[in-house]
Amino acid sequence: MAKYNISTEYKKSIIEVDFWYKDGKTIRRETGWRWGSGDVIVDADNEESFLSDVESEEVNVYDYEFELDSLDDGCWDDVEYPEDMSEEEQERMSELWYDESFEGWENEGWIIGDSELWFTGPIKLEKVEE
């Protein structure tokens, strides 16, 4: 097993994507972070794939064993609602998020499912142990 500390060279290069589900519908919520870091632990079978992802300047660290150190200063967000959700309902859901965050959507019956955490652009990588 190898352990790497990962961070980004430029700010605003980390994107967190959460998928929320209810009644066969999906909300995709994306949050951009200025900075962040963590440790990625990869076994020998996955190390080449991980290093290839880093080299391509786009890696979903949740595809690997990942220990988050920090995510700092969420600076933007974007939400994609189901196509058949009315504008009024989208606005209501948006206000609910800003008032109550995760709990607000959960109280409406939405369940967070899949999540992704993308480190993009030039990536700083430091091998910390083998």
N, C-alpha and C. Protein backbone atom coordinates (compact mmCIF):
# COMPACT_ATOMS: atom_id res chain seq x y z
N MET A 1 0.84 -1.19 0.00
CA MET A 1 0.00 0.00 0.00
C MET A 1 0.88 1.24 0.00
N ALA A 2 0.40 2.24 -0.73
CA ALA A 2 1.09 3.53 -0.77
C ALA A 2 0.12 4.60 -0.29
N LYS A 3 0.66 5.61 0.34
CA LYS A 3 -0.16 6.71 0.85
C LYS A 3 0.39 8.01 0.26
N TYR A 4 -0.53 8.81 -0.32
CA TYR A 4 -0.17 10.08 -0.93
C TYR A 4 -0.99 11.20 -0.32
N ASN A 5 -0.33 12.32 -0.03
CA ASN A 5 -1.07 13.53 0.33
C ASN A 5 -1.38 14.25 -0.97
N ILE A 6 -2.65 14.63 -1.13
CA ILE A 6 -3.10 15.27 -2.37
C ILE A 6 -3.68 16.64 -2.06
N SER A 7 -3.37 17.60 -2.91
CA SER A 7 -3.96 18.94 -2.85
C SER A 7 -3.87 19.51 -4.26
N THR A 8 -4.40 20.70 -4.45
CA THR A 8 -4.37 21.32 -5.77
C THR A 8 -3.40 22.48 -5.80
N GLU A 9 -2.88 22.74 -6.97
CA GLU A 9 -1.95 23.85 -7.14
C GLU A 9 -2.68 25.19 -7.15
N TYR A 10 -3.86 25.22 -7.77
CA TYR A 10 -4.61 26.46 -7.90
C TYR A 10 -5.86 26.41 -7.05
N LYS A 11 -6.29 27.59 -6.59
CA LYS A 11 -7.53 27.65 -5.82
C LYS A 11 -8.72 27.40 -6.74
N LYS A 12 -9.85 27.08 -6.13
CA LYS A 12 -11.10 26.79 -6.82
C LYS A 12 -10.97 25.58 -7.76
N SER A 13 -10.23 24.58 -7.32
CA SER A 13 -9.99 23.40 -8.15
C SER A 13 -10.50 22.11 -7.52
N ILE A 14 -11.35 22.24 -6.52
CA ILE A 14 -11.94 21.05 -5.90
C ILE A 14 -13.45 21.16 -6.03
N ILE A 15 -14.06 20.10 -6.53
CA ILE A 15 -15.50 20.09 -6.77
C ILE A 15 -16.11 18.88 -6.07
N GLU A 16 -17.05 19.17 -5.19
CA GLU A 16 -17.78 18.13 -4.48
C GLU A 16 -19.15 17.99 -5.14
N VAL A 17 -19.51 16.77 -5.50
CA VAL A 17 -20.79 16.52 -6.16
C VAL A 17 -21.57 15.52 -5.32
N ASP A 18 -22.79 15.91 -4.94
CA ASP A 18 -23.67 15.02 -4.19
C ASP A 18 -24.92 14.77 -5.01
N PHE A 19 -25.38 13.53 -4.98
CA PHE A 19 -26.59 13.14 -5.68
C PHE A 19 -27.65 12.79 -4.65
N TRP A 20 -28.79 13.46 -4.74
CA TRP A 20 -29.91 13.29 -3.83
C TRP A 20 -31.04 12.58 -4.57
N TYR A 21 -31.68 11.63 -3.89
CA TYR A 21 -32.71 10.80 -4.54
C TYR A 21 -34.02 10.83 -3.76
N LYS A 22 -35.13 10.83 -4.53
CA LYS A 22 -36.47 10.71 -3.95
C LYS A 22 -37.44 10.34 -5.07
N ASP A 23 -38.22 9.32 -4.83
CA ASP A 23 -39.28 8.91 -5.78
C ASP A 23 -38.78 8.78 -7.22
N GLY A 24 -37.60 8.19 -7.39
CA GLY A 24 -37.06 7.97 -8.72
C GLY A 24 -36.49 9.22 -9.38
N LYS A 25 -36.40 10.31 -8.64
CA LYS A 25 -35.86 11.57 -9.17
C LYS A 25 -34.51 11.85 -8.52
N THR A 26 -33.70 12.65 -9.21
CA THR A 26 -32.35 12.96 -8.74
C THR A 26 -32.10 14.45 -8.77
N ILE A 27 -31.50 14.96 -7.70
CA ILE A 27 -30.96 16.32 -7.66
C ILE A 27 -29.44 16.17 -7.60
N ARG A 28 -28.76 16.91 -8.46
CA ARG A 28 -27.29 16.92 -8.48
C ARG A 28 -26.83 18.25 -7.91
N ARG A 29 -26.13 18.20 -6.79
CA ARG A 29 -25.67 19.41 -6.11
C ARG A 29 -24.15 19.45 -6.14
N GLU A 30 -23.60 20.53 -6.67
CA GLU A 30 -22.16 20.68 -6.83
C GLU A 30 -21.69 21.87 -6.00
N THR A 31 -20.60 21.68 -5.26
CA THR A 31 -20.00 22.74 -4.46
C THR A 31 -18.54 22.87 -4.84
N GLY A 32 -18.11 24.10 -5.11
CA GLY A 32 -16.70 24.36 -5.41
C GLY A 32 -15.98 24.84 -4.16
N TRP A 33 -14.78 24.34 -3.97
CA TRP A 33 -13.97 24.70 -2.80
C TRP A 33 -12.68 25.37 -3.28
N ARG A 34 -12.25 26.39 -2.51
CA ARG A 34 -11.01 27.08 -2.87
C ARG A 34 -9.79 26.18 -2.65
N TRP A 35 -9.76 25.48 -1.53
CA TRP A 35 -8.60 24.66 -1.17
C TRP A 35 -9.07 23.39 -0.47
N GLY A 36 -8.22 22.42 -0.43
CA GLY A 36 -8.50 21.19 0.29
C GLY A 36 -7.32 20.25 0.18
N SER A 37 -7.31 19.26 1.07
CA SER A 37 -6.24 18.26 1.02
C SER A 37 -6.70 17.01 1.75
N GLY A 38 -5.95 15.97 1.54
CA GLY A 38 -6.24 14.72 2.21
C GLY A 38 -5.22 13.67 1.81
N ASP A 39 -5.40 12.48 2.35
CA ASP A 39 -4.51 11.38 2.06
C ASP A 39 -5.26 10.31 1.28
N VAL A 40 -4.64 9.87 0.19
CA VAL A 40 -5.19 8.80 -0.62
C VAL A 40 -4.33 7.56 -0.38
N ILE A 41 -4.99 6.47 -0.04
CA ILE A 41 -4.29 5.22 0.20
C ILE A 41 -4.65 4.27 -0.93
N VAL A 42 -3.64 3.80 -1.65
CA VAL A 42 -3.89 2.92 -2.78
C VAL A 42 -3.06 1.65 -2.65
N ASP A 43 -3.65 0.54 -3.04
CA ASP A 43 -2.88 -0.69 -3.05
C ASP A 43 -2.16 -0.81 -4.39
N ALA A 44 -1.29 -1.77 -4.50
CA ALA A 44 -0.46 -1.91 -5.71
C ALA A 44 -1.32 -2.06 -6.96
N ASP A 45 -2.47 -2.72 -6.86
CA ASP A 45 -3.33 -2.91 -8.02
C ASP A 45 -3.95 -1.61 -8.53
N ASN A 46 -4.13 -0.61 -7.65
CA ASN A 46 -4.78 0.64 -8.02
C ASN A 46 -3.82 1.82 -8.18
N GLU A 47 -2.58 1.64 -7.80
CA GLU A 47 -1.65 2.77 -7.79
C GLU A 47 -1.43 3.34 -9.20
N GLU A 48 -1.26 2.49 -10.19
CA GLU A 48 -1.04 2.98 -11.55
C GLU A 48 -2.25 3.77 -12.06
N SER A 49 -3.45 3.29 -11.77
CA SER A 49 -4.67 4.00 -12.18
C SER A 49 -4.76 5.35 -11.48
N PHE A 50 -4.46 5.38 -10.20
CA PHE A 50 -4.49 6.63 -9.44
C PHE A 50 -3.50 7.64 -10.03
N LEU A 51 -2.26 7.21 -10.25
CA LEU A 51 -1.25 8.13 -10.77
C LEU A 51 -1.61 8.61 -12.18
N SER A 52 -2.26 7.76 -12.96
CA SER A 52 -2.74 8.17 -14.28
C SER A 52 -3.82 9.24 -14.16
N ASP A 53 -4.75 9.07 -13.21
CA ASP A 53 -5.78 10.08 -12.97
C ASP A 53 -5.15 11.41 -12.57
N VAL A 54 -4.16 11.37 -11.69
CA VAL A 54 -3.49 12.59 -11.25
C VAL A 54 -2.80 13.26 -12.44
N GLU A 55 -2.14 12.47 -13.26
CA GLU A 55 -1.45 13.02 -14.42
C GLU A 55 -2.42 13.68 -15.39
N SER A 56 -3.64 13.13 -15.49
CA SER A 56 -4.63 13.72 -16.39
C SER A 56 -5.29 14.96 -15.77
N GLU A 57 -4.90 15.29 -14.54
CA GLU A 57 -5.36 16.47 -13.81
C GLU A 57 -6.84 16.42 -13.47
N GLU A 58 -7.33 15.21 -13.20
CA GLU A 58 -8.72 15.07 -12.77
C GLU A 58 -8.86 13.72 -12.05
N VAL A 59 -9.06 13.80 -10.73
CA VAL A 59 -9.18 12.56 -9.97
C VAL A 59 -10.33 12.67 -8.97
N ASN A 60 -11.21 11.68 -8.99
CA ASN A 60 -12.26 11.57 -7.98
C ASN A 60 -11.65 10.77 -6.83
N VAL A 61 -11.28 11.44 -5.77
CA VAL A 61 -10.58 10.76 -4.67
C VAL A 61 -11.47 9.74 -3.98
N TYR A 62 -12.80 9.86 -4.13
CA TYR A 62 -13.69 8.87 -3.54
C TYR A 62 -13.65 7.53 -4.28
N ASP A 63 -12.96 7.48 -5.43
CA ASP A 63 -12.75 6.21 -6.11
C ASP A 63 -11.68 5.38 -5.40
N TYR A 64 -11.00 5.99 -4.43
CA TYR A 64 -9.92 5.34 -3.70
C TYR A 64 -10.20 5.48 -2.21
N GLU A 65 -9.40 4.83 -1.40
CA GLU A 65 -9.53 5.03 0.04
C GLU A 65 -8.99 6.43 0.33
N PHE A 66 -9.81 7.25 0.97
CA PHE A 66 -9.46 8.66 1.11
C PHE A 66 -9.73 9.14 2.53
N GLU A 67 -8.77 9.86 3.10
CA GLU A 67 -8.91 10.48 4.42
C GLU A 67 -8.81 11.98 4.24
N LEU A 68 -9.92 12.68 4.41
CA LEU A 68 -9.97 14.13 4.20
C LEU A 68 -9.27 14.86 5.34
N ASP A 69 -8.38 15.79 4.98
CA ASP A 69 -7.77 16.69 5.96
C ASP A 69 -8.63 17.94 6.09
N SER A 70 -8.95 18.54 4.93
CA SER A 70 -9.73 19.78 4.98
C SER A 70 -10.32 20.12 3.63
N LEU A 71 -11.42 20.84 3.68
CA LEU A 71 -11.99 21.55 2.54
C LEU A 71 -12.24 22.96 3.05
N ASP A 72 -11.68 23.94 2.38
CA ASP A 72 -11.74 25.30 2.87
C ASP A 72 -12.48 26.23 1.92
N ASP A 73 -13.37 27.02 2.50
CA ASP A 73 -14.00 28.14 1.82
C ASP A 73 -14.79 27.73 0.59
N GLY A 74 -15.92 27.08 0.85
CA GLY A 74 -16.84 26.78 -0.25
C GLY A 74 -17.20 28.08 -0.94
N CYS A 75 -16.92 28.20 -2.24
CA CYS A 75 -17.04 29.50 -2.89
C CYS A 75 -18.12 29.57 -3.97
N TRP A 76 -18.68 28.45 -4.37
CA TRP A 76 -19.78 28.48 -5.33
C TRP A 76 -20.53 27.16 -5.26
N ASP A 77 -21.74 27.20 -5.76
CA ASP A 77 -22.51 25.97 -5.86
C ASP A 77 -23.41 26.03 -7.08
N ASP A 78 -23.81 24.87 -7.52
CA ASP A 78 -24.69 24.75 -8.67
C ASP A 78 -25.58 23.54 -8.43
N VAL A 79 -26.85 23.67 -8.72
CA VAL A 79 -27.80 22.59 -8.49
C VAL A 79 -28.54 22.30 -9.79
N GLU A 80 -28.62 21.01 -10.12
CA GLU A 80 -29.42 20.57 -11.27
C GLU A 80 -30.61 19.79 -10.71
N TYR A 81 -31.79 20.36 -10.90
CA TYR A 81 -33.01 19.72 -10.42
C TYR A 81 -33.59 18.84 -11.52
N PRO A 82 -34.48 17.92 -11.16
CA PRO A 82 -35.14 17.10 -12.18
C PRO A 82 -35.86 18.00 -13.18
N GLU A 83 -35.87 17.59 -14.44
CA GLU A 83 -36.49 18.39 -15.50
C GLU A 83 -37.95 18.68 -15.24
N ASP A 84 -38.64 17.75 -14.59
CA ASP A 84 -40.08 17.95 -14.38
C ASP A 84 -40.40 18.66 -13.06
N MET A 85 -39.39 19.18 -12.37
CA MET A 85 -39.63 19.94 -11.14
C MET A 85 -39.92 21.40 -11.52
N SER A 86 -41.03 21.93 -11.04
CA SER A 86 -41.42 23.30 -11.38
C SER A 86 -40.41 24.32 -10.85
N GLU A 87 -40.39 25.49 -11.46
CA GLU A 87 -39.50 26.56 -11.00
C GLU A 87 -39.81 26.95 -9.56
N GLU A 88 -41.10 26.96 -9.21
CA GLU A 88 -41.49 27.32 -7.85
C GLU A 88 -40.93 26.31 -6.85
N GLU A 89 -40.99 25.02 -7.19
CA GLU A 89 -40.46 23.98 -6.31
C GLU A 89 -38.94 24.06 -6.25
N GLN A 90 -38.30 24.38 -7.35
CA GLN A 90 -36.85 24.54 -7.35
C GLN A 90 -36.44 25.70 -6.43
N GLU A 91 -37.16 26.80 -6.52
CA GLU A 91 -36.87 27.95 -5.65
C GLU A 91 -37.10 27.59 -4.19
N ARG A 92 -38.17 26.86 -3.91
CA ARG A 92 -38.45 26.45 -2.54
C ARG A 92 -37.33 25.54 -2.01
N MET A 93 -36.90 24.61 -2.85
CA MET A 93 -35.82 23.70 -2.44
C MET A 93 -34.51 24.46 -2.23
N SER A 94 -34.26 25.44 -3.07
CA SER A 94 -33.06 26.26 -2.93
C SER A 94 -33.09 27.03 -1.60
N GLU A 95 -34.22 27.65 -1.30
CA GLU A 95 -34.36 28.38 -0.04
C GLU A 95 -34.22 27.44 1.16
N LEU A 96 -34.80 26.27 1.04
CA LEU A 96 -34.71 25.28 2.11
C LEU A 96 -33.25 24.90 2.36
N TRP A 97 -32.48 24.72 1.27
CA TRP A 97 -31.06 24.38 1.42
C TRP A 97 -30.32 25.50 2.16
N TYR A 98 -30.57 26.74 1.76
CA TYR A 98 -29.83 27.84 2.38
C TYR A 98 -30.28 28.11 3.81
N ASP A 99 -31.49 27.72 4.15
CA ASP A 99 -31.98 27.88 5.51
C ASP A 99 -31.55 26.73 6.42
N GLU A 100 -31.59 25.49 5.89
CA GLU A 100 -31.41 24.32 6.75
C GLU A 100 -30.37 23.32 6.25
N SER A 101 -29.81 23.53 5.07
CA SER A 101 -28.78 22.67 4.50
C SER A 101 -29.27 21.22 4.37
N PHE A 102 -28.40 20.29 4.67
CA PHE A 102 -28.71 18.86 4.50
C PHE A 102 -30.00 18.47 5.20
N GLU A 103 -30.17 18.94 6.41
CA GLU A 103 -31.33 18.56 7.22
C GLU A 103 -32.64 18.96 6.54
N GLY A 104 -32.66 20.11 5.91
CA GLY A 104 -33.87 20.57 5.24
C GLY A 104 -34.31 19.62 4.13
N TRP A 105 -33.36 19.21 3.29
CA TRP A 105 -33.71 18.29 2.22
C TRP A 105 -34.05 16.91 2.76
N GLU A 106 -33.33 16.47 3.78
CA GLU A 106 -33.63 15.17 4.39
C GLU A 106 -35.03 15.16 4.97
N ASN A 107 -35.44 16.25 5.61
CA ASN A 107 -36.79 16.34 6.17
C ASN A 107 -37.87 16.32 5.09
N GLU A 108 -37.49 16.63 3.85
CA GLU A 108 -38.42 16.57 2.72
C GLU A 108 -38.45 15.18 2.09
N GLY A 109 -37.66 14.27 2.65
CA GLY A 109 -37.65 12.90 2.14
C GLY A 109 -36.56 12.61 1.12
N TRP A 110 -35.70 13.58 0.83
CA TRP A 110 -34.59 13.36 -0.09
C TRP A 110 -33.48 12.64 0.66
N ILE A 111 -32.84 11.70 -0.02
CA ILE A 111 -31.76 10.90 0.58
C ILE A 111 -30.50 11.13 -0.23
N ILE A 112 -29.43 11.52 0.48
CA ILE A 112 -28.16 11.67 -0.23
C ILE A 112 -27.61 10.28 -0.52
N GLY A 113 -27.20 10.10 -1.75
CA GLY A 113 -26.69 8.79 -2.17
C GLY A 113 -25.23 8.90 -2.52
N ASP A 114 -24.95 8.88 -3.78
CA ASP A 114 -23.58 8.92 -4.26
C ASP A 114 -22.96 10.30 -4.04
N SER A 115 -21.65 10.30 -3.82
CA SER A 115 -20.89 11.54 -3.71
C SER A 115 -19.57 11.37 -4.46
N GLU A 116 -19.10 12.47 -4.99
CA GLU A 116 -17.81 12.51 -5.67
C GLU A 116 -17.04 13.71 -5.14
N LEU A 117 -15.72 13.60 -5.10
CA LEU A 117 -14.87 14.72 -4.70
C LEU A 117 -13.72 14.78 -5.70
N TRP A 118 -13.82 15.77 -6.60
CA TRP A 118 -12.87 15.90 -7.71
C TRP A 118 -11.78 16.92 -7.40
N PHE A 119 -10.54 16.50 -7.53
CA PHE A 119 -9.38 17.38 -7.50
C PHE A 119 -9.00 17.59 -8.96
N THR A 120 -8.96 18.85 -9.42
CA THR A 120 -8.74 19.12 -10.84
C THR A 120 -7.58 20.09 -11.04
N GLY A 121 -7.13 20.19 -12.27
CA GLY A 121 -6.03 21.07 -12.61
C GLY A 121 -4.72 20.46 -12.17
N PRO A 122 -3.66 21.23 -12.18
CA PRO A 122 -2.41 20.69 -11.67
C PRO A 122 -2.60 20.24 -10.21
N ILE A 123 -2.19 19.02 -9.94
CA ILE A 123 -2.40 18.42 -8.62
C ILE A 123 -1.05 18.25 -7.93
N LYS A 124 -0.98 18.66 -6.68
CA LYS A 124 0.21 18.43 -5.87
C LYS A 124 0.07 17.06 -5.22
N LEU A 125 1.11 16.29 -5.31
CA LEU A 125 1.08 14.93 -4.78
C LEU A 125 2.39 14.68 -4.05
N GLU A 126 2.28 14.21 -2.81
CA GLU A 126 3.46 13.89 -2.03
C GLU A 126 3.27 12.48 -1.44
N LYS A 127 4.19 11.60 -1.77
CA LYS A 127 4.13 10.24 -1.22
C LYS A 127 4.59 10.32 0.23
N VAL A 128 3.71 9.87 1.15
CA VAL A 128 4.03 10.00 2.57
C VAL A 128 4.40 8.67 3.22
N GLU A 129 4.01 7.56 2.63
CA GLU A 129 4.48 6.27 3.13
C GLU A 129 4.18 5.18 2.13
N GLU A 130 4.88 4.08 2.28
CA GLU A 130 4.73 2.93 1.38
C GLU A 130 4.23 1.75 2.15
